[in-house]
Protein backbone atom coordinates (compact mmCIF):
# COMPACT_ATOMS: atom_id res chain seq x y z
CA ASP A 1 -2.52 12.43 14.21
CA LYS A 2 -3.96 12.77 17.72
CA GLY A 3 -2.33 16.20 18.05
CA LYS A 4 1.23 14.96 17.73
CA ALA A 5 3.90 15.95 15.19
CA CYS A 6 2.26 17.03 11.92
CA GLY A 7 -1.21 16.29 13.29
CA ALA A 8 -0.86 19.12 15.81
CA CYS A 9 -1.61 21.61 13.03
CA HIS A 10 -2.86 19.36 10.24
CA ASN A 11 -6.05 18.49 12.06
CA GLY A 12 -8.63 19.69 9.52
CA ASP A 13 -9.18 22.99 11.34
CA MET A 14 -5.85 24.80 11.13
CA ALA A 15 -4.62 23.01 7.98
CA PHE A 16 -5.63 20.05 5.80
CA SER A 17 -6.02 16.88 7.83
CA VAL A 18 -3.32 14.23 7.88
CA LYS A 19 -6.14 11.74 7.43
CA THR A 20 -7.48 13.12 4.14
CA ASP A 21 -4.60 14.34 1.99
CA CYS A 22 -1.82 11.74 2.20
CA ALA A 23 -0.27 12.61 -1.19
CA SER A 24 0.60 16.12 -0.02
CA CYS A 25 3.40 14.66 2.09
CA HIS A 26 3.70 11.13 0.72
CA PRO A 27 4.26 11.10 -3.05
CA ASN A 28 2.96 8.18 -5.06
CA ASN A 29 6.39 6.64 -5.55
CA ASP A 30 7.02 3.05 -6.46
CA ILE A 31 8.12 0.78 -3.63
CA THR A 32 10.77 -1.81 -4.44
CA PHE A 33 11.20 -5.03 -2.48
CA LYS A 34 14.21 -7.27 -3.07
CA GLY A 35 14.76 -10.78 -1.84
CA PRO A 36 16.79 -13.83 -2.83
CA ALA A 37 13.73 -16.00 -3.39
CA ILE A 38 11.44 -13.38 -4.95
CA GLY A 39 13.81 -11.26 -7.02
CA THR A 40 12.76 -7.63 -7.39
CA VAL A 41 9.12 -6.76 -6.74
CA ILE A 42 7.87 -3.30 -7.62
CA PHE A 43 4.63 -1.93 -6.18
CA SER A 44 3.24 1.15 -7.89
CA HIS A 45 1.41 3.53 -5.57
CA LYS A 46 0.58 5.67 -8.61
CA ASN A 47 -1.36 2.88 -10.31
CA GLN A 48 -3.22 1.95 -7.14
CA THR A 49 -4.13 5.48 -6.05
CA ALA A 50 -5.35 6.31 -9.55
CA MET A 51 -8.13 3.77 -8.93
CA PHE A 52 -8.44 3.64 -5.14
CA GLY A 53 -7.73 5.82 -2.13
CA CYS A 54 -5.12 5.26 0.55
CA LYS A 55 -7.76 3.93 2.96
CA GLU A 56 -8.36 0.88 0.76
CA CYS A 57 -5.03 -0.55 1.97
CA HIS A 58 -3.86 1.62 4.90
CA PRO A 59 -3.79 0.93 7.75
CA GLU A 60 -5.89 -2.26 7.65
CA ARG A 61 -3.96 -4.29 5.08
CA PHE A 62 -0.60 -2.54 5.25
CA ILE A 63 0.65 -0.58 8.25
CA PRO A 64 2.77 2.29 6.92
CA GLY A 65 6.38 2.53 7.97
CA PRO A 66 9.57 0.50 8.01
CA GLY A 67 9.92 -2.88 9.63
CA ASN A 68 6.53 -4.22 8.62
CA LYS A 69 5.92 -7.94 8.36
CA LYS A 70 7.09 -9.48 5.12
CA LEU A 71 4.37 -11.55 3.53
CA THR A 72 4.68 -14.74 1.60
CA MET A 73 2.85 -15.55 -1.61
CA ALA A 74 1.15 -18.41 0.27
CA GLU A 75 -0.35 -15.89 2.72
CA MET A 76 -1.45 -13.66 -0.15
CA TYR A 77 -3.08 -16.64 -1.95
CA LYS A 78 -5.17 -17.03 1.23
CA GLY A 79 -6.36 -13.41 1.02
CA ALA A 80 -3.77 -11.49 3.04
CA ALA A 81 -2.48 -8.11 1.87
CA CYS A 82 -2.52 -7.89 -1.95
CA GLY A 83 -4.51 -11.11 -2.11
CA ALA A 84 -7.52 -9.38 -0.53
CA CYS A 85 -8.26 -7.71 -3.87
CA HIS A 86 -6.12 -9.68 -6.32
CA ASN A 87 -8.44 -12.66 -6.12
CA GLY A 88 -10.03 -12.69 -9.57
CA ASP A 89 -13.17 -10.89 -8.39
CA VAL A 90 -11.84 -7.39 -7.69
CA ALA A 91 -8.60 -7.49 -9.71
CA PHE A 92 -6.47 -9.96 -11.63
CA THR A 93 -5.41 -12.93 -9.54
CA LEU A 94 -1.97 -13.21 -8.00
CA LYS A 95 -1.33 -16.27 -10.18
CA GLU A 96 -1.86 -14.25 -13.38
CA HIS A 97 0.62 -11.82 -14.90
CA CYS A 98 3.46 -12.39 -12.42
CA SER A 99 5.61 -9.89 -14.32
CA ARG A 100 3.34 -7.01 -13.25
CA CYS A 101 4.98 -7.15 -9.82
CA HIS A 102 7.96 -9.47 -10.19
CA LYS A 103 10.42 -7.78 -12.54
């Protein structure tokens, strides 16, 4: 965006905008996190984007790209990241159905 890299042409005038058609370049693949304390956690982009758009989480809740901050469950229980929606009002709470994420 801002005329750099892909955004030089994909600006909405010359080609589809990088801000509106994320799935054209970024497939809805699962993301797997592994850690000694958490085991394997699988996040399904496909399930999320079937209900919501990319802008629901990016870039406010999750900044795309490698090297992002790893969150703890304690932070999520306080409303960070996944906990912003998985609070019992918008979606199932983080304390319910652990096996949906933790395999």
